[in-house]
Protein backbone atom coordinates (compact mmCIF):
# COMPACT_ATOMS: atom_id res chain seq x y z
CA MET A 1 -1.56 8.59 5.24
CA PHE A 2 0.02 8.78 8.76
CA ASP A 3 2.66 11.73 8.26
CA ALA A 4 0.96 13.79 11.33
CA LEU A 5 0.77 11.17 13.82
CA SER A 6 4.50 9.96 12.69
CA ASP A 7 5.80 13.52 13.46
CA ARG A 8 3.86 13.66 16.62
CA LEU A 9 5.51 10.40 17.72
CA GLU A 10 8.72 11.47 16.80
CA ALA A 11 8.34 14.18 19.25
CA ALA A 12 7.72 11.55 22.02
CA TRP A 13 10.94 9.65 21.25
CA LYS A 14 12.85 12.80 21.69
CA LYS A 15 11.58 13.38 24.98
CA LEU A 16 14.04 10.03 25.98
CA ARG A 17 17.02 10.92 23.81
CA GLY A 18 19.91 11.32 25.95
CA GLN A 19 18.47 9.45 28.79
CA ASP A 20 20.09 6.71 30.81
CA LYS A 21 17.04 4.47 31.10
CA ILE A 22 12.96 4.54 31.07
CA SER A 23 11.87 5.98 34.52
CA GLN A 24 8.63 6.98 35.99
CA SER A 25 10.12 10.60 35.70
CA ASN A 26 11.26 10.87 32.29
CA ILE A 27 8.39 8.76 30.55
CA GLN A 28 5.72 11.36 31.06
CA ASP A 29 6.50 13.54 28.94
CA ALA A 30 6.86 10.92 26.14
CA LEU A 31 3.44 9.29 27.24
CA ARG A 32 1.84 12.70 26.91
CA GLU A 33 3.17 13.25 23.39
CA VAL A 34 1.70 10.04 22.25
CA ARG A 35 -1.50 10.67 23.84
CA ARG A 36 -1.58 13.82 21.78
CA ALA A 37 -0.81 12.30 18.87
CA LEU A 38 -3.63 9.40 19.14
CA LEU A 39 -6.15 12.17 19.78
CA GLU A 40 -5.53 14.18 16.89
CA ALA A 41 -5.31 10.93 14.98
CA ASP A 42 -8.89 10.87 15.96
CA VAL A 43 -8.42 7.25 17.83
CA ASN A 44 -11.20 6.58 20.16
CA LEU A 45 -10.65 8.23 23.67
CA GLN A 46 -11.22 4.84 25.42
CA VAL A 47 -8.90 3.14 22.74
CA VAL A 48 -6.24 5.80 23.62
CA LYS A 49 -6.58 5.62 27.50
CA ASP A 50 -6.16 2.10 27.36
CA PHE A 51 -3.29 2.30 25.19
CA ILE A 52 -1.44 4.69 26.99
CA SER A 53 -2.17 2.58 30.13
CA GLU A 54 -0.60 -0.45 28.68
CA VAL A 55 2.22 1.34 27.07
CA GLU A 56 3.02 2.88 30.75
CA ALA A 57 2.94 -0.27 32.34
CA LYS A 58 5.09 -2.01 29.81
CA ALA A 59 7.93 0.66 29.72
CA GLN A 60 8.29 0.79 33.74
CA GLY A 61 8.43 -3.03 33.78
CA ALA A 62 10.90 -3.20 31.00
CA GLU A 63 14.35 -4.90 31.36
CA VAL A 64 17.14 -2.56 30.40
CA VAL A 65 18.76 -4.32 27.40
CA THR A 66 22.51 -3.46 27.17
CA GLY A 67 23.46 -1.26 24.08
CA VAL A 68 19.87 -0.37 23.48
CA ARG A 69 18.87 3.41 24.24
CA PRO A 70 15.60 4.28 26.43
CA ASP A 71 14.18 5.97 23.34
CA GLN A 72 14.69 2.82 20.82
CA GLN A 73 13.15 0.80 23.69
CA PHE A 74 10.18 2.69 23.91
CA ILE A 75 9.55 2.39 20.38
CA LYS A 76 9.34 -0.94 20.39
CA ILE A 77 6.88 -1.08 23.51
CA VAL A 78 4.85 1.54 21.25
CA HIS A 79 4.91 -1.09 18.02
CA ASP A 80 4.10 -3.77 19.87
CA GLU A 81 1.18 -2.51 21.71
CA LEU A 82 -0.03 -0.90 18.33
CA VAL A 83 0.14 -4.30 16.79
CA GLU A 84 -2.05 -5.69 19.64
CA VAL A 85 -4.28 -3.13 19.36
CA MET A 86 -4.85 -3.38 15.39
CA GLY A 87 -5.47 -7.13 15.84
CA GLU A 88 -1.68 -8.84 15.97
CA GLU A 89 -2.13 -10.91 12.55
CA ASN A 90 -3.66 -10.99 9.12
CA VAL A 91 -7.00 -12.71 8.84
CA PRO A 92 -7.12 -13.35 5.34
CA ILE A 93 -10.83 -14.41 3.62
CA ALA A 94 -12.44 -17.43 4.34
CA GLU A 95 -12.72 -20.34 1.92
CA ALA A 96 -15.58 -22.86 2.32
CA GLN A 97 -14.85 -26.54 1.82
CA GLU A 98 -18.29 -26.58 -0.41
CA LYS A 99 -17.79 -24.04 -3.23
CA PRO A 100 -18.42 -21.30 -3.61
CA THR A 101 -17.41 -19.32 -0.98
CA ILE A 102 -20.23 -16.55 -0.65
CA VAL A 103 -18.73 -12.87 0.60
CA LEU A 104 -21.56 -10.06 1.32
CA MET A 105 -20.35 -6.37 1.34
CA ALA A 106 -22.01 -3.80 2.96
CA GLY A 107 -21.50 -0.56 4.21
CA LEU A 108 -23.06 3.31 3.57
CA GLN A 109 -23.23 5.10 0.40
CA GLY A 110 -19.99 7.08 -0.77
CA THR A 111 -17.72 4.27 1.18
CA GLY A 112 -16.80 2.93 -2.21
CA LYS A 113 -18.22 -0.24 -1.78
CA THR A 114 -18.78 -1.11 -5.32
CA THR A 115 -15.24 -0.30 -6.35
CA ALA A 116 -14.05 -2.41 -3.05
CA THR A 117 -16.06 -5.13 -4.38
CA ALA A 118 -14.43 -5.23 -7.53
CA LYS A 119 -11.01 -4.79 -6.08
CA LEU A 120 -11.51 -7.81 -3.82
CA ALA A 121 -12.60 -9.71 -6.90
CA LEU A 122 -9.36 -9.01 -8.53
CA HIS A 123 -7.27 -9.76 -5.29
CA LEU A 124 -8.78 -13.11 -5.05
CA ARG A 125 -8.20 -13.60 -8.77
CA LYS A 126 -4.46 -13.32 -8.35
CA LEU A 127 -4.98 -16.11 -5.69
CA ASP A 128 -6.31 -18.32 -8.28
CA ARG A 129 -9.86 -18.07 -7.13
CA SER A 130 -12.51 -17.54 -9.81
CA CYS A 131 -15.35 -15.07 -8.80
CA LEU A 132 -18.59 -13.92 -9.97
CA LEU A 133 -19.93 -10.50 -8.85
CA VAL A 134 -23.51 -9.89 -8.04
CA ALA A 135 -25.24 -6.78 -8.23
CA THR A 136 -27.93 -6.08 -5.94
CA ASP A 137 -27.97 -2.39 -5.68
CA VAL A 138 -31.04 -1.67 -7.64
CA TYR A 139 -31.41 1.79 -5.77
CA ARG A 140 -28.59 3.95 -6.74
CA PRO A 141 -28.53 5.19 -10.15
CA ALA A 142 -26.02 3.49 -12.11
CA ALA A 143 -24.68 1.29 -9.60
CA ILE A 144 -25.16 -2.01 -11.47
CA ASP A 145 -23.73 -0.56 -14.45
CA GLN A 146 -21.02 0.56 -12.66
CA LEU A 147 -20.40 -2.84 -11.46
CA LEU A 148 -20.70 -4.13 -14.85
CA THR A 149 -17.89 -1.59 -16.02
CA LEU A 150 -15.88 -2.94 -13.30
CA GLY A 151 -16.15 -6.40 -13.55
CA LYS A 152 -15.49 -6.19 -17.70
CA GLN A 153 -12.13 -4.05 -16.59
CA ILE A 154 -11.07 -7.12 -14.51
CA ASP A 155 -12.41 -9.80 -16.69
CA VAL A 156 -14.70 -11.20 -13.96
CA PRO A 157 -18.42 -11.81 -14.65
CA VAL A 158 -21.24 -9.70 -13.38
CA PHE A 159 -24.56 -11.17 -12.28
CA GLU A 160 -27.74 -9.03 -12.45
CA LEU A 161 -31.31 -8.94 -12.72
CA GLY A 162 -32.11 -5.43 -14.17
CA SER A 163 -33.41 -2.70 -11.24
CA ASP A 164 -36.97 -3.67 -10.92
CA ALA A 165 -35.91 -7.28 -9.08
CA ASP A 166 -35.93 -7.97 -5.19
CA PRO A 167 -32.29 -7.92 -4.36
CA VAL A 168 -32.92 -10.97 -2.22
CA GLU A 169 -33.90 -13.05 -5.36
CA ILE A 170 -30.82 -11.45 -7.27
CA ALA A 171 -28.68 -13.06 -4.66
CA ARG A 172 -29.69 -16.19 -4.40
CA GLN A 173 -29.83 -16.79 -8.40
CA GLY A 174 -26.42 -15.56 -8.24
CA VAL A 175 -25.40 -17.78 -5.62
CA GLU A 176 -27.10 -20.79 -7.68
CA ARG A 177 -25.52 -19.46 -11.07
CA ALA A 178 -22.10 -19.60 -9.48
CA ARG A 179 -22.73 -23.34 -7.70
CA ALA A 180 -23.99 -24.45 -11.57
CA GLU A 181 -20.78 -23.07 -12.87
CA GLY A 182 -18.38 -24.27 -10.57
CA VAL A 183 -17.11 -20.76 -9.42
CA ASN A 184 -14.89 -20.33 -6.17
CA THR A 185 -16.34 -17.29 -5.11
CA VAL A 186 -19.45 -15.37 -4.90
CA ILE A 187 -19.19 -11.53 -3.90
CA ILE A 188 -22.37 -9.77 -3.51
CA ASP A 189 -22.69 -6.15 -3.73
CA THR A 190 -25.02 -4.68 -1.75
CA ALA A 191 -27.11 -1.41 -1.47
CA GLY A 192 -26.06 1.44 0.98
CA ARG A 193 -27.69 4.44 2.45
CA LEU A 194 -26.69 8.16 3.39
CA GLN A 195 -26.96 6.76 6.92
CA ILE A 196 -27.92 3.48 8.62
CA ASP A 197 -31.97 3.10 8.40
CA GLU A 198 -33.97 0.51 9.27
CA ASP A 199 -34.85 -0.33 5.71
CA MET A 200 -31.32 -1.34 4.53
CA MET A 201 -30.50 -3.41 7.74
CA ALA A 202 -33.76 -5.36 7.19
CA GLU A 203 -32.80 -5.78 3.56
CA LEU A 204 -29.37 -6.82 4.63
CA ALA A 205 -30.45 -9.37 7.34
CA ARG A 206 -32.73 -10.86 4.48
CA ILE A 207 -30.11 -11.39 2.14
CA LYS A 208 -27.58 -12.75 4.66
CA ALA A 209 -30.41 -15.20 6.11
CA THR A 210 -31.23 -16.33 2.43
CA VAL A 211 -27.83 -16.67 0.88
CA GLN A 212 -25.64 -17.80 4.22
CA PRO A 213 -22.50 -15.84 3.48
CA HIS A 214 -19.37 -17.25 4.69
CA GLU A 215 -17.83 -13.76 4.98
CA THR A 216 -19.67 -10.38 6.03
CA LEU A 217 -17.47 -7.49 5.10
CA LEU A 218 -18.38 -3.80 6.11
CA VAL A 219 -16.68 -1.14 3.90
CA VAL A 220 -16.11 1.97 5.49
CA ASP A 221 -14.41 5.08 4.93
CA ALA A 222 -11.03 5.73 6.94
CA MET A 223 -11.30 9.29 6.51
CA THR A 224 -14.34 8.84 9.20
CA GLY A 225 -11.43 8.54 11.86
CA GLN A 226 -13.23 7.11 14.93
CA GLU A 227 -16.70 7.10 13.51
CA ALA A 228 -15.69 4.16 11.43
CA ALA A 229 -15.23 1.97 14.58
CA ASN A 230 -18.43 3.13 15.75
CA LEU A 231 -20.21 2.28 12.46
CA THR A 232 -18.32 -1.12 12.23
CA ARG A 233 -19.97 -1.88 16.10
CA THR A 234 -23.40 -1.04 15.30
CA PHE A 235 -23.36 -3.18 11.87
CA HIS A 236 -21.80 -5.88 13.77
CA GLU A 237 -24.15 -5.66 16.66
CA GLN A 238 -27.28 -5.77 14.13
CA ILE A 239 -26.06 -7.81 11.17
CA GLY A 240 -22.94 -9.79 12.24
CA ILE A 241 -19.86 -8.87 10.46
CA THR A 242 -16.83 -10.83 9.83
CA GLY A 243 -14.50 -7.97 9.13
CA ALA A 244 -14.04 -4.75 7.62
CA ILE A 245 -12.13 -2.98 4.53
CA LEU A 246 -10.96 0.33 5.13
CA THR A 247 -11.06 2.61 2.14
CA LYS A 248 -9.43 6.22 1.00
CA MET A 249 -6.26 4.86 3.21
CA ASP A 250 -4.31 6.86 0.40
CA GLY A 251 -6.03 10.34 1.19
CA ASP A 252 -6.01 12.28 4.28
CA SER A 253 -6.79 9.81 6.53
CA ARG A 254 -5.26 10.58 10.01
CA GLY A 255 -5.14 6.69 11.28
CA GLY A 256 -7.99 6.95 13.95
CA ALA A 257 -9.72 4.19 11.98
CA ALA A 258 -6.94 1.85 11.53
CA LEU A 259 -6.23 2.04 15.25
CA SER A 260 -9.97 1.83 16.52
CA VAL A 261 -11.75 -0.64 14.58
CA ARG A 262 -10.52 -3.57 16.10
CA LYS A 263 -10.61 -2.49 19.64
CA ILE A 264 -14.25 -0.94 19.43
CA SER A 265 -16.05 -3.50 17.45
CA GLY A 266 -14.06 -6.60 17.56
CA ALA A 267 -14.07 -7.09 13.60
CA PRO A 268 -10.59 -7.50 12.14
CA ILE A 269 -9.51 -5.10 9.16
CA LYS A 270 -9.22 -7.39 6.43
CA PHE A 271 -7.91 -5.11 3.52
CA VAL A 272 -7.38 -1.33 3.07
CA GLY A 273 -7.83 0.57 -0.10
CA VAL A 274 -4.85 2.60 -0.91
CA GLY A 275 -6.17 4.27 -4.18
CA GLU A 276 -8.83 4.70 -6.72
CA LYS A 277 -7.16 1.64 -9.40
CA VAL A 278 -8.78 -1.70 -9.20
CA GLU A 279 -5.37 -3.01 -8.04
CA ALA A 280 -5.22 -0.55 -5.04
CA LEU A 281 -6.15 -3.19 -2.76
CA GLN A 282 -3.83 -4.56 0.16
CA PRO A 283 -4.40 -7.35 2.73
CA PHE A 284 -4.00 -5.80 6.02
CA TYR A 285 -1.05 -6.98 8.31
CA PRO A 286 -1.23 -5.17 11.81
CA ASP A 287 2.65 -5.50 12.19
CA ARG A 288 3.22 -3.51 8.91
CA MET A 289 0.86 -1.16 9.72
CA ALA A 290 2.48 -0.42 12.88
CA SER A 291 5.79 -0.09 11.40
CA ARG A 292 4.46 2.76 8.74
CA ILE A 293 3.06 4.51 11.67
CA LEU A 294 6.60 4.66 13.53
CA GLY A 295 8.25 6.01 10.23
CA MET A 296 10.01 2.51 9.72
CA GLY A 297 8.66 1.92 6.05
CA ASP A 298 7.16 -1.60 4.68
CA VAL A 299 9.93 -3.60 2.80
CA LEU A 300 7.47 -6.55 2.87
CA THR A 301 4.53 -4.89 1.12
CA LEU A 302 7.11 -3.16 -1.28
CA VAL A 303 8.23 -6.52 -2.36
CA GLU A 304 5.00 -8.00 -3.02
CA LYS A 305 3.86 -5.07 -4.99
CA ALA A 306 7.36 -5.54 -7.07
CA GLN A 307 6.56 -8.78 -7.56
CA GLU A 308 3.31 -8.45 -8.88
CA GLU A 309 4.79 -6.19 -11.92
CA PHE A 310 7.88 -8.08 -12.22
CA ASP A 311 8.42 -11.18 -14.33
CA LEU A 312 11.20 -13.66 -12.92
CA ALA A 313 12.36 -14.63 -16.42
CA ASP A 314 12.70 -10.86 -17.46
CA ALA A 315 14.36 -10.20 -14.34
CA GLU A 316 17.06 -12.82 -14.84
CA LYS A 317 17.61 -11.24 -18.21
CA MET A 318 18.00 -7.98 -16.91
CA GLN A 319 20.34 -9.08 -14.41
CA GLU A 320 22.22 -10.52 -16.84
CA LYS A 321 22.44 -7.51 -19.10
CA ILE A 322 23.70 -5.21 -15.89
CA LEU A 323 26.45 -7.52 -15.00
CA SER A 324 27.81 -7.43 -18.51
CA ALA A 325 27.09 -3.65 -18.88
CA LYS A 326 24.77 -4.31 -21.66
CA PHE A 327 22.40 -2.44 -19.52
CA ASP A 328 20.66 0.39 -21.89
CA PHE A 329 18.03 3.29 -22.28
CA THR A 330 15.01 1.04 -23.36
CA ASP A 331 16.01 -1.19 -20.00
CA PHE A 332 15.67 1.67 -18.16
CA LEU A 333 12.49 3.18 -19.59
CA LYS A 334 11.02 -0.31 -19.08
CA GLN A 335 11.90 -0.22 -15.46
CA LEU A 336 10.66 3.29 -14.97
CA ARG A 337 7.27 2.03 -16.44
CA MET A 338 7.04 -0.91 -14.28
CA LEU A 339 7.50 1.34 -11.14
CA LYS A 340 4.46 3.38 -12.16
CA ASN A 341 2.40 0.53 -12.45
CA MET A 342 3.45 -0.15 -8.74
CA GLY A 343 1.80 3.29 -7.49
CA SER A 344 2.49 6.67 -6.73
CA LEU A 345 6.21 7.68 -6.13
CA GLY A 346 5.16 8.93 -2.57
CA GLY A 347 3.36 5.77 -1.84
CA PHE A 348 6.37 3.65 -3.14
CA ILE A 349 9.12 5.63 -1.61
CA LYS A 350 7.79 5.88 2.00
CA MET A 351 7.55 2.19 2.41
CA ILE A 352 11.39 2.13 1.95
CA PRO A 353 12.92 2.74 5.99
CA GLY A 354 14.47 5.63 6.37
CA MET A 355 12.76 7.59 3.45
CA ASN A 356 9.49 8.72 5.45
CA LYS A 357 10.54 12.09 6.36
CA LEU A 358 10.77 12.76 2.35
CA SER A 359 8.85 16.15 1.97
CA ASP A 360 5.69 16.51 -0.71
CA ASP A 361 8.02 18.98 -2.47
CA GLN A 362 10.74 16.58 -2.35
CA LEU A 363 8.72 14.03 -3.84
CA LYS A 364 7.37 16.28 -6.39
CA GLN A 365 10.70 17.05 -7.38
CA GLY A 366 11.53 13.16 -7.83
CA GLU A 367 8.35 12.75 -9.85
CA THR A 368 9.42 15.71 -12.05
CA GLN A 369 12.89 14.21 -12.66
CA LEU A 370 11.37 10.84 -13.70
CA LYS A 371 9.18 12.70 -16.26
CA ARG A 372 12.32 14.43 -17.47
CA CYS A 373 14.13 11.49 -18.02
CA GLU A 374 11.14 9.60 -19.69
CA ALA A 375 10.69 12.43 -22.28
CA MET A 376 14.22 12.71 -23.06
CA ILE A 377 14.58 9.06 -23.75
CA ASN A 378 11.14 8.98 -25.97
CA SER A 379 12.81 11.53 -28.25
CA MET A 380 16.07 8.92 -28.69
CA THR A 381 16.23 6.22 -32.03
CA ARG A 382 16.41 3.04 -31.16
CA GLN A 383 19.73 2.81 -31.97
CA GLU A 384 20.49 5.59 -29.52
CA ARG A 385 18.61 4.12 -26.75
CA HIS A 386 20.75 0.68 -27.32
CA ASP A 387 23.85 2.39 -27.72
CA PRO A 388 24.21 5.23 -25.04
CA ASP A 389 27.79 5.83 -26.58
CA LEU A 390 26.64 7.32 -29.59
CA LEU A 391 25.09 10.16 -27.42
CA ALA A 392 28.41 10.50 -25.67
CA SER A 393 30.37 11.33 -28.71
CA SER A 394 27.59 12.98 -30.82
CA PRO A 395 26.58 16.66 -29.71
CA SER A 396 24.42 17.10 -32.84
CA ARG A 397 22.28 13.77 -31.87
CA ARG A 398 22.04 15.25 -28.01
CA ARG A 399 20.98 18.67 -29.46
CA ARG A 400 18.01 16.69 -31.72
CA ILE A 401 16.98 14.84 -28.51
CA ALA A 402 16.74 17.83 -26.59
CA ALA A 403 14.72 19.80 -29.37
CA GLY A 404 12.49 16.97 -29.22
CA SER A 405 11.66 16.42 -25.46
CA GLY A 406 11.87 20.18 -24.56
CA TYR A 407 14.94 20.35 -22.35
CA ARG A 408 18.19 21.88 -23.07
CA GLU A 409 21.18 20.24 -24.52
CA SER A 410 23.02 20.23 -21.16
CA ASP A 411 20.29 18.39 -19.55
CA VAL A 412 20.41 15.28 -22.40
CA THR A 413 24.23 15.55 -21.89
CA LYS A 414 24.02 15.04 -18.02
CA LEU A 415 21.61 11.92 -18.49
CA VAL A 416 23.92 10.57 -20.71
CA GLY A 417 26.73 11.02 -18.38
CA ASP A 418 25.19 9.98 -15.35
CA PHE A 419 23.56 7.04 -17.08
CA GLN A 420 26.92 5.91 -17.96
CA LYS A 421 28.26 6.24 -14.39
CA MET A 422 25.51 4.23 -13.11
CA ARG A 423 25.89 1.51 -15.41
CA SER A 424 29.74 1.03 -14.48
CA LEU A 425 28.77 1.27 -10.91
CA MET A 426 26.41 -1.36 -11.17
CA GLN A 427 28.36 -3.79 -13.00
CA GLN A 428 31.00 -3.13 -10.24
CA MET A 429 28.62 -3.81 -7.53
CA GLY A 430 27.61 -7.14 -8.84
CA GLN A 431 23.83 -7.01 -8.26
CA GLY A 432 20.79 -5.19 -9.54
CA GLY A 433 19.28 -1.92 -8.43
CA PHE A 434 19.77 1.55 -8.77
CA PRO A 435 22.51 2.39 -6.39
CA GLY A 436 21.87 5.70 -4.31
CA MET A 437 24.75 7.79 -6.18
CA PRO A 438 24.99 11.38 -7.06
CA GLY A 439 24.19 11.27 -10.73
CA MET A 440 21.45 9.77 -12.38
CA PHE A 441 19.15 10.41 -9.55
CA GLY A 442 21.07 13.52 -7.91
CA GLY A 443 23.04 16.33 -8.55
CA GLY A 444 21.66 19.57 -10.54
CA GLY A 445 18.21 19.30 -8.86
CA GLY A 446 18.24 15.52 -9.77
CA MET A 447 16.43 12.70 -7.83
CA GLY A 448 19.31 11.86 -5.32
CA ASN A 449 18.60 15.41 -3.77
CA ALA A 450 14.59 14.53 -3.76
CA PHE A 451 15.41 11.17 -2.20
CA ALA A 452 18.27 12.43 0.27
CA GLY A 453 15.38 13.70 2.57
CA ALA A 454 15.61 15.28 5.80
CA GLY A 455 18.21 14.65 8.46
CA ASN A 456 20.91 14.23 6.16
CA ARG A 457 20.07 10.72 5.45
CA PRO A 458 22.26 8.78 2.51
CA ALA A 459 20.75 9.21 -1.11
CA ALA A 460 18.60 6.11 -1.25
CA PRO A 461 19.77 3.62 1.69
CA GLY A 462 16.61 1.22 0.54
CA TRP A 463 17.66 1.20 -3.25
CA ARG A 464 20.55 -1.54 -2.57
CA GLY A 465 19.22 -4.91 -1.46
CA TYR A 466 16.04 -4.89 0.10
CA GLY A 467 14.37 -6.90 -2.56
CA GLY A 468 16.43 -10.09 -1.40
CA ASP A 469 16.30 -9.37 2.31
CA ALA A 470 13.15 -8.97 2.96
CA GLY A 471 13.00 -12.02 4.89
CA THR A 472 11.47 -15.26 3.88
CA LYS A 473 11.42 -18.95 5.09
CA LYS A 474 11.76 -20.41 1.59
CA LYS A 475 14.65 -20.29 -0.24
CA LYS A 476 12.98 -20.10 -3.58
CA THR A 477 10.75 -17.19 -2.60
CA LYS A 478 13.55 -15.40 -1.31
CA GLU A 479 15.58 -15.87 -4.40
CA LYS A 480 12.49 -14.70 -6.52
CA LYS A 481 11.97 -11.66 -4.24
CA LYS A 482 16.07 -10.81 -4.81
CA LYS A 483 15.70 -11.27 -8.59
CA GLY A 484 12.51 -9.48 -8.92
CA PHE A 485 12.99 -6.67 -7.25
CA GLY A 486 16.41 -5.94 -7.34
CA ASN A 487 16.49 -4.94 -10.79
CA LEU A 488 14.33 -1.72 -9.94
């Protein structure tokens, strides 16, 4: 989502490489590139001016640290300023002392408000907070049906009174139902318009005055750039909001919305939507987003996503199999499918530090290799999956698998050989994880080539050890991350 911005900022760092120190003369070219990068990303003009001014002042007054290059020092200054512009810390959903906590969802039509409502309910459910969705959009055709379908999908009840009822009355009764049933959180989906108008604002104001929400969240389309910030400010001035949810961050978003909303509107970004699935909602952490913008990856979010998919008990069993060289094709297939559940390969890989320069073609090549592996494994018998050595010694079995999967016998032979090498190396390493090695994911157009990336980086620097070293204060949590993610 920030590829163009990251590339532009990379050009800024290059202006300082080879310099002895940051000075008034050599910083101007770098600042010019940063300014251009932000403007092209559709960041608000005043935000850009303030940003450049702050970075310049901090860079000129920066202490020269021994062993740190000027470009590295400048990156640190830009990173810290990005974090400050975006809000410095995550602002979670408030939880009222007297239940239920009431969340009012607002926004224009077409921003993904109804879907974001369901996504938020699922997110809160994962935090052990019971939810009730309230459908007050009586104007858009099938809006109520859409929320009912989403509620059924995530197993969250939906309160509705049909399309003929007054939205204010629906909201009031929905809150009363939640209070009577002891529900933790009520999320009210309101009607949107194609543009801001007096009727929409008046209805929102009446609903807000009636239910007295603890949170009023504005859902905005990240692809609208700095206009998202202006929209947030308008809603904040007329209705009063407590935060924003940026949707479609996985699309062709240039990053302007993420960098402008907090500074222009004063409202924090609380969540970002990164896909169409109901699971594709992430809490917004300014420091993590700044790292993604600067191409540093986002290991903590990656680990959190992995923890949602991996069961600790299964991970421990898998670790034992790896250490005893009993890891087989069935286990490998299970891991591949868990990776799929974490999202697209591109989104997953670019969270790993050093992997942000992979092109779309390289990522597509990686996706293709995963599909090839899965197709060939699906053509194996249960016995063959359990004992890969059977395939190593039987050409007839390999020919049958090749015919069943639609690939050549040489492809199957390579898969089996690479798997055996990988299993042996994993045992020697004494830890989980698929090492960045030529073989299973490399050679002959394999995924090693796809992951090698630009700049002659090692095949996969992030495949080893990031699960356990993400950094956490609690030893138990750290151990859980290490075991749960280490078996990827």
